[in-house]
Amino acid sequence: MFSNINKLLLKIKNSLKILLINILFISILFLINEPIFAKSTEVEMNLALKYCESIDRKIFKGLDNEIILKYEYFFSSLKRNAFNAKDYTLNKFLTDVKKTCFYELNREEKEEFSSLLNKFLSNKL
């Protein structure tokens, strides 16, 4: 009688271990994909922070060839393999800038940054 109860408890114990391992594995997968834990989001947010900083400090006011300077300022420190280029769009950038410094880009700024982003993504500068 005791051996039957003991076998039953051992079967339950093993299935609980497997269940716990599965729960931990799935939790880790979800945490890796969360923006807080994802590396690409950090890089993308840094791009928005740089843009906000350039606005606050008025870095590019009155400079000749500022489009090349802007490109270098925003993208020179980015590593292509850390940047989630496929999913990063202008709308995501605009949202990140709004969240970071409550600044809304005008049409000209959107077009300019869109061209810079496209050049970075296509690697043509």
Foldseek 3Di string as FASTA:
>chain_A
DVVVVVVVVVVVVVVVVVVVVVVVVVVVVVQCPDLVNDQQNVLLLVLLVQVVVCVVVVVQPPDPPVLVVVLCSRPVPDDPVSHPLVPDDLVVSQVSNCVPPVDHDDPVVSVSVRVSSVCVSVVPD
